[in-house]
Structures are given as structure tokens and as C-alpha cells.
Amino acid sequence: SMTFGWNGTNYTATGGGATFVAPTGTALALTDDSEVTVTLPFALPFPGGSTTQLRVCSNGFISPLASNGTTFSPSAAAFLSGAPRWAAAWHDLNPAAAGSGPVLVDASAAAVRITWNAVNNFSGGGTATFQYQFAPNGNVSIVWQNVTAAGNGYLVGWTPGAVAVDPGSIDLSASLGQPIP
């Protein structure tokens, strides 16, 4: 797991600390390369503002403001130049495929959890199970349960978008504890 700890200005990424919560809640009406809006029961602060809505893309990323579209092909250029977003596993995922698990949302005043529960890879076989945990204090945790590395590439991280500078490839496990703008 990894937590983006909100410090009032930016995030500090730390490893561990968050645990996977058994997925419950409502299945989101996501299909291949689609997005839905989830209303939060609290205002979530993040670098650059706050929001009461999240745009959830079937391809494993979530945006706090404007849509980032629904592209299935992750790239650093698109990640850095779009709207702000978290990417637990930006990848070509298809929750509408036969035999695929759903993307679930479980929301309360204490936390919002959005879980890809054994969602099929579009190509290459296998599934992905991971969970975002959003807290009212601005902390965002990502917990990976099981992700099959198959098909196209994966991108993981946070970006404020718009004019973000490409820091190059980063080993997040080696950079934990450092502020992320």
C-alpha cells in the first residue's frame, strides 16, 4: 500500500499503513473505457483545491476535478498535462467483460473506498484488484491486492496536471517520505 498524506500544501508519499478493506457498496456503471462521477459525503482537499466529486475511469485512475478522458494507454505526457489525477493502476481494464468483477464504491462520512474487484485486463488475461481510500483530511491511500501484469503498460502515481514537469521515471518505493508537489 501507499498513502499520499495531505499536509495542507502537497502530498508526502509513504509506504504501508493502509490495509485492504473487503469490498462492499454499489457497483459503478462502468464499461470499457468509460467514466462515472461519484459524489463524496465530504469536501476532499488535494494539491490545487478541494472537491466533493470524483471522476472514476474504468482504466484505473480517478480525477478530482475535470475529466481526463477514458484513454486506456497510459503515458507520462498525458498524465502530466491533463487534469489532476491519482493513478493506482492506469491500464487497459474492462469491468464490462464477461466474467469481470465490478468497480465498487462504499461511501461514508469517515471514508470513501473505490475498489476494482477482480476487474479483467482488456487484453493479455488476468485481473486487477486494488482499492483507493479517500479520507476527509485529504489523505489518499492506494492498496493493491492482486494485479496481473499483462497487456499494455501500467502507470502509478499522483499528478497536479496542467503544467506538471516530468520528473522522469521514479521508483516510488525508494522515494517514499519525500513531498510530492
C-alpha atoms as a PDB file:
ATOM      1  CA  SER A   1       0.000   0.000   0.000  1.00  0.00           C
ATOM      2  CA  MET A   2       0.948   3.639  -0.395  1.00  0.00           C
ATOM      3  CA  THR A   3      -0.544   6.725   1.216  1.00  0.00           C
ATOM      4  CA  PHE A   4      -0.455  10.250  -0.153  1.00  0.00           C
ATOM      5  CA  GLY A   5      -0.512  12.155   3.139  1.00  0.00           C
ATOM      6  CA  TRP A   6      -2.016  15.634   2.764  1.00  0.00           C
ATOM      7  CA  ASN A   7      -0.003  18.283   4.627  1.00  0.00           C
ATOM      8  CA  GLY A   8      -2.085  21.326   3.653  1.00  0.00           C
ATOM      9  CA  THR A   9       0.049  22.172   0.610  1.00  0.00           C
ATOM     10  CA  ASN A  10       1.075  18.935  -1.079  1.00  0.00           C
ATOM     11  CA  TYR A  11       1.387  15.201  -0.526  1.00  0.00           C
ATOM     12  CA  THR A  12       4.067  13.165   1.158  1.00  0.00           C
ATOM     13  CA  ALA A  13       4.042   9.573  -0.073  1.00  0.00           C
ATOM     14  CA  THR A  14       4.591   6.841   2.489  1.00  0.00           C
ATOM     15  CA  GLY A  15       4.537   3.082   2.145  1.00  0.00           C
ATOM     16  CA  GLY A  16       2.420   0.702   4.136  1.00  0.00           C
ATOM     17  CA  GLY A  17      -0.048   1.760   6.785  1.00  0.00           C
ATOM     18  CA  ALA A  18      -3.221   1.154   4.806  1.00  0.00           C
ATOM     19  CA  THR A  19      -4.908  -2.226   4.630  1.00  0.00           C
ATOM     20  CA  PHE A  20      -7.331  -3.603   2.084  1.00  0.00           C
ATOM     21  CA  VAL A  21     -10.947  -3.436   3.244  1.00  0.00           C
ATOM     22  CA  ALA A  22     -13.263  -6.148   1.955  1.00  0.00           C
ATOM     23  CA  PRO A  23     -15.092  -4.534  -0.957  1.00  0.00           C
ATOM     24  CA  THR A  24     -18.741  -3.671  -0.417  1.00  0.00           C
ATOM     25  CA  GLY A  25     -21.039  -0.989  -1.692  1.00  0.00           C
ATOM     26  CA  THR A  26     -22.561  -0.081  -5.008  1.00  0.00           C
ATOM     27  CA  ALA A  27     -21.273  -1.302  -8.355  1.00  0.00           C
ATOM     28  CA  LEU A  28     -20.473   1.626 -10.617  1.00  0.00           C
ATOM     29  CA  ALA A  29     -21.956   1.541 -14.124  1.00  0.00           C
ATOM     30  CA  LEU A  30     -18.569   1.361 -15.834  1.00  0.00           C
ATOM     31  CA  THR A  31     -17.973  -0.258 -19.193  1.00  0.00           C
ATOM     32  CA  ASP A  32     -14.846  -0.495 -21.322  1.00  0.00           C
ATOM     33  CA  ASP A  33     -13.121   2.915 -21.495  1.00  0.00           C
ATOM     34  CA  SER A  34     -15.801   4.794 -19.543  1.00  0.00           C
ATOM     35  CA  GLU A  35     -16.117   7.112 -16.570  1.00  0.00           C
ATOM     36  CA  VAL A  36     -18.693   7.960 -13.926  1.00  0.00           C
ATOM     37  CA  THR A  37     -18.938  10.714 -11.325  1.00  0.00           C
ATOM     38  CA  VAL A  38     -19.055   9.788  -7.635  1.00  0.00           C
ATOM     39  CA  THR A  39     -20.311  12.355  -5.114  1.00  0.00           C
ATOM     40  CA  LEU A  40     -18.347  12.481  -1.860  1.00  0.00           C
ATOM     41  CA  PRO A  41     -20.034  12.954   1.537  1.00  0.00           C
ATOM     42  CA  PHE A  42     -17.291  15.465   2.430  1.00  0.00           C
ATOM     43  CA  ALA A  43     -15.025  18.040   0.777  1.00  0.00           C
ATOM     44  CA  LEU A  44     -11.719  16.378  -0.110  1.00  0.00           C
ATOM     45  CA  PRO A  45      -8.687  18.692  -0.096  1.00  0.00           C
ATOM     46  CA  PHE A  46      -5.840  17.957  -2.520  1.00  0.00           C
ATOM     47  CA  PRO A  47      -2.919  19.929  -4.007  1.00  0.00           C
ATOM     48  CA  GLY A  48      -4.616  22.672  -6.019  1.00  0.00           C
ATOM     49  CA  GLY A  49      -8.049  22.753  -4.414  1.00  0.00           C
ATOM     50  CA  SER A  50     -10.815  20.640  -2.960  1.00  0.00           C
ATOM     51  CA  THR A  51     -13.676  18.648  -4.414  1.00  0.00           C
ATOM     52  CA  THR A  52     -16.921  16.956  -3.500  1.00  0.00           C
ATOM     53  CA  GLN A  53     -16.908  14.792  -6.633  1.00  0.00           C
ATOM     54  CA  LEU A  54     -14.540  12.266  -8.171  1.00  0.00           C
ATOM     55  CA  ARG A  55     -14.434  11.165 -11.802  1.00  0.00           C
ATOM     56  CA  VAL A  56     -13.730   7.442 -11.801  1.00  0.00           C
ATOM     57  CA  CYS A  57     -12.353   5.942 -15.023  1.00  0.00           C
ATOM     58  CA  SER A  58     -12.695   2.225 -15.719  1.00  0.00           C
ATOM     59  CA  ASN A  59      -8.993   2.205 -16.649  1.00  0.00           C
ATOM     60  CA  GLY A  60      -7.830   2.584 -13.040  1.00  0.00           C
ATOM     61  CA  PHE A  61      -7.433   6.325 -12.474  1.00  0.00           C
ATOM     62  CA  ILE A  62      -9.513   8.912 -10.623  1.00  0.00           C
ATOM     63  CA  SER A  63      -9.671  12.662 -11.226  1.00  0.00           C
ATOM     64  CA  PRO A  64     -10.791  15.215  -8.596  1.00  0.00           C
ATOM     65  CA  LEU A  65     -11.875  17.963 -10.994  1.00  0.00           C
ATOM     66  CA  ALA A  66     -12.264  17.872 -14.747  1.00  0.00           C
ATOM     67  CA  SER A  67     -12.350  14.678 -16.745  1.00  0.00           C
ATOM     68  CA  ASN A  68      -9.106  13.178 -18.002  1.00  0.00           C
ATOM     69  CA  GLY A  69     -10.988  11.261 -20.650  1.00  0.00           C
ATOM     70  CA  THR A  70     -11.008   7.484 -20.715  1.00  0.00           C
ATOM     71  CA  THR A  71      -7.867   6.539 -22.610  1.00  0.00           C
ATOM     72  CA  PHE A  72      -6.582   3.050 -21.915  1.00  0.00           C
ATOM     73  CA  SER A  73      -2.980   3.735 -22.914  1.00  0.00           C
ATOM     74  CA  PRO A  74      -1.009   5.367 -20.086  1.00  0.00           C
ATOM     75  CA  SER A  75       1.702   7.883 -20.935  1.00  0.00           C
ATOM     76  CA  ALA A  76       3.740  10.269 -18.830  1.00  0.00           C
ATOM     77  CA  ALA A  77       2.915  13.134 -21.218  1.00  0.00           C
ATOM     78  CA  ALA A  78      -0.861  12.633 -20.865  1.00  0.00           C
ATOM     79  CA  PHE A  79      -0.541  12.101 -17.107  1.00  0.00           C
ATOM     80  CA  LEU A  80       1.367  15.351 -16.578  1.00  0.00           C
ATOM     81  CA  SER A  81      -0.537  17.588 -18.996  1.00  0.00           C
ATOM     82  CA  GLY A  82      -4.131  16.634 -18.144  1.00  0.00           C
ATOM     83  CA  ALA A  83      -6.249  17.491 -15.123  1.00  0.00           C
ATOM     84  CA  PRO A  84      -5.138  16.389 -11.637  1.00  0.00           C
ATOM     85  CA  ARG A  85      -5.425  12.629 -11.066  1.00  0.00           C
ATOM     86  CA  TRP A  86      -4.460   9.678  -8.956  1.00  0.00           C
ATOM     87  CA  ALA A  87      -3.431   6.511 -10.761  1.00  0.00           C
ATOM     88  CA  ALA A  88      -3.402   3.281  -8.775  1.00  0.00           C
ATOM     89  CA  ALA A  89      -3.034   1.224 -11.940  1.00  0.00           C
ATOM     90  CA  TRP A  90      -3.709   3.227 -15.102  1.00  0.00           C
ATOM     91  CA  HIS A  91      -4.075   0.345 -17.541  1.00  0.00           C
ATOM     92  CA  ASP A  92      -6.497  -1.080 -20.115  1.00  0.00           C
ATOM     93  CA  LEU A  93      -9.131  -2.565 -17.786  1.00  0.00           C
ATOM     94  CA  ASN A  94     -12.648  -3.686 -18.710  1.00  0.00           C
ATOM     95  CA  PRO A  95     -15.203  -4.135 -15.914  1.00  0.00           C
ATOM     96  CA  ALA A  96     -17.893  -4.942 -18.525  1.00  0.00           C
ATOM     97  CA  ALA A  97     -16.088  -8.011 -19.921  1.00  0.00           C
ATOM     98  CA  ALA A  98     -17.661 -11.411 -19.396  1.00  0.00           C
ATOM     99  CA  GLY A  99     -16.529 -12.795 -16.038  1.00  0.00           C
ATOM    100  CA  SER A 100     -15.067  -9.483 -14.862  1.00  0.00           C
ATOM    101  CA  GLY A 101     -15.564  -8.231 -11.347  1.00  0.00           C
ATOM    102  CA  PRO A 102     -17.077  -4.786 -10.753  1.00  0.00           C
ATOM    103  CA  VAL A 103     -15.750  -1.428  -9.605  1.00  0.00           C
ATOM    104  CA  LEU A 104     -17.455  -0.725  -6.279  1.00  0.00           C
ATOM    105  CA  VAL A 105     -17.914   2.449  -4.241  1.00  0.00           C
ATOM    106  CA  ASP A 106     -18.511   2.454  -0.493  1.00  0.00           C
ATOM    107  CA  ALA A 107     -19.024   5.950   0.932  1.00  0.00           C
ATOM    108  CA  SER A 108     -19.483   7.212   4.480  1.00  0.00           C
ATOM    109  CA  ALA A 109     -18.616  10.395   6.343  1.00  0.00           C
ATOM    110  CA  ALA A 110     -15.440   8.661   7.587  1.00  0.00           C
ATOM    111  CA  ALA A 111     -14.071   7.373   4.252  1.00  0.00           C
ATOM    112  CA  VAL A 112     -14.798   6.678   0.617  1.00  0.00           C
ATOM    113  CA  ARG A 113     -13.421   3.457  -0.831  1.00  0.00           C
ATOM    114  CA  ILE A 114     -13.414   2.720  -4.544  1.00  0.00           C
ATOM    115  CA  THR A 115     -12.381  -0.844  -5.369  1.00  0.00           C
ATOM    116  CA  TRP A 116     -11.551  -2.566  -8.648  1.00  0.00           C
ATOM    117  CA  ASN A 117     -12.589  -6.072  -7.600  1.00  0.00           C
ATOM    118  CA  ALA A 118     -11.009  -8.654  -9.942  1.00  0.00           C
ATOM    119  CA  VAL A 119     -11.587  -6.430 -12.979  1.00  0.00           C
ATOM    120  CA  ASN A 120     -10.443  -8.032 -16.233  1.00  0.00           C
ATOM    121  CA  ASN A 121      -7.494  -6.777 -18.230  1.00  0.00           C
ATOM    122  CA  PHE A 122      -8.747  -5.883 -21.704  1.00  0.00           C
ATOM    123  CA  SER A 123      -6.027  -7.997 -23.284  1.00  0.00           C
ATOM    124  CA  GLY A 124      -3.393 -10.368 -22.020  1.00  0.00           C
ATOM    125  CA  GLY A 125      -5.612 -12.153 -19.499  1.00  0.00           C
ATOM    126  CA  GLY A 126      -5.711 -11.776 -15.743  1.00  0.00           C
ATOM    127  CA  THR A 127      -7.417  -9.318 -13.437  1.00  0.00           C
ATOM    128  CA  ALA A 128      -6.687  -6.397 -11.144  1.00  0.00           C
ATOM    129  CA  THR A 129      -7.852  -5.900  -7.561  1.00  0.00           C
ATOM    130  CA  PHE A 130      -6.894  -2.626  -5.891  1.00  0.00           C
ATOM    131  CA  GLN A 131      -8.565  -0.008  -3.729  1.00  0.00           C
ATOM    132  CA  TYR A 132      -8.485   3.759  -3.279  1.00  0.00           C
ATOM    133  CA  GLN A 133      -9.273   5.040   0.217  1.00  0.00           C
ATOM    134  CA  PHE A 134     -10.156   8.748   0.440  1.00  0.00           C
ATOM    135  CA  ALA A 135     -10.279  10.368   3.904  1.00  0.00           C
ATOM    136  CA  PRO A 136     -11.895  13.714   4.811  1.00  0.00           C
ATOM    137  CA  ASN A 137      -8.489  15.015   5.987  1.00  0.00           C
ATOM    138  CA  GLY A 138      -7.167  14.762   2.402  1.00  0.00           C
ATOM    139  CA  ASN A 139      -5.159  11.573   2.773  1.00  0.00           C
ATOM    140  CA  VAL A 140      -5.454   9.180  -0.159  1.00  0.00           C
ATOM    141  CA  SER A 141      -4.325   5.576   0.233  1.00  0.00           C
ATOM    142  CA  ILE A 142      -3.942   3.011  -2.502  1.00  0.00           C
ATOM    143  CA  VAL A 143      -3.911  -0.668  -1.590  1.00  0.00           C
ATOM    144  CA  TRP A 144      -3.012  -3.278  -4.206  1.00  0.00           C
ATOM    145  CA  GLN A 145      -4.410  -6.716  -3.542  1.00  0.00           C
ATOM    146  CA  ASN A 146      -3.622  -8.593  -6.760  1.00  0.00           C
ATOM    147  CA  VAL A 147      -2.690  -7.196 -10.175  1.00  0.00           C
ATOM    148  CA  THR A 148      -1.807  -9.426 -13.124  1.00  0.00           C
ATOM    149  CA  ALA A 149       0.920  -7.779 -15.199  1.00  0.00           C
ATOM    150  CA  ALA A 150      -0.410  -8.447 -18.693  1.00  0.00           C
ATOM    151  CA  GLY A 151      -1.394  -6.439 -21.739  1.00  0.00           C
ATOM    152  CA  ASN A 152      -0.317  -2.803 -22.140  1.00  0.00           C
ATOM    153  CA  GLY A 153       1.701  -0.735 -19.633  1.00  0.00           C
ATOM    154  CA  TYR A 154       0.803   0.498 -16.154  1.00  0.00           C
ATOM    155  CA  LEU A 155       1.248   3.958 -14.633  1.00  0.00           C
ATOM    156  CA  VAL A 156       1.039   4.664 -10.882  1.00  0.00           C
ATOM    157  CA  GLY A 157       1.167   7.976  -9.011  1.00  0.00           C
ATOM    158  CA  TRP A 158      -0.347  11.417  -8.446  1.00  0.00           C
ATOM    159  CA  THR A 159      -0.157  14.482 -10.682  1.00  0.00           C
ATOM    160  CA  PRO A 160      -1.450  18.021 -10.224  1.00  0.00           C
ATOM    161  CA  GLY A 161      -1.690  18.045 -14.029  1.00  0.00           C
ATOM    162  CA  ALA A 162      -1.701  21.072 -16.336  1.00  0.00           C
ATOM    163  CA  VAL A 163       1.893  22.245 -16.208  1.00  0.00           C
ATOM    164  CA  ALA A 164       3.493  19.458 -14.191  1.00  0.00           C
ATOM    165  CA  VAL A 165       7.150  18.921 -15.024  1.00  0.00           C
ATOM    166  CA  ASP A 166       8.181  15.390 -15.968  1.00  0.00           C
ATOM    167  CA  PRO A 167      10.432  14.198 -13.132  1.00  0.00           C
ATOM    168  CA  GLY A 168      11.413  11.136 -15.158  1.00  0.00           C
ATOM    169  CA  SER A 169      10.828   7.595 -14.059  1.00  0.00           C
ATOM    170  CA  ILE A 170      10.719   7.349 -10.269  1.00  0.00           C
ATOM    171  CA  ASP A 171      10.958   4.284  -8.057  1.00  0.00           C
ATOM    172  CA  LEU A 172       8.205   5.212  -5.605  1.00  0.00           C
ATOM    173  CA  SER A 173       9.426   2.670  -3.072  1.00  0.00           C
ATOM    174  CA  ALA A 174      12.770   4.497  -2.903  1.00  0.00           C
ATOM    175  CA  SER A 175      11.156   7.977  -2.789  1.00  0.00           C
ATOM    176  CA  LEU A 176       8.627   7.412  -0.029  1.00  0.00           C
ATOM    177  CA  GLY A 177       8.622  10.112   2.636  1.00  0.00           C
ATOM    178  CA  GLN A 178       9.501  12.900   0.194  1.00  0.00           C
ATOM    179  CA  PRO A 179       6.982  15.678  -0.612  1.00  0.00           C
ATOM    180  CA  ILE A 180       5.197  15.342  -3.930  1.00  0.00           C
ATOM    181  CA  PRO A 181       4.083  18.711  -5.381  1.00  0.00           C
END
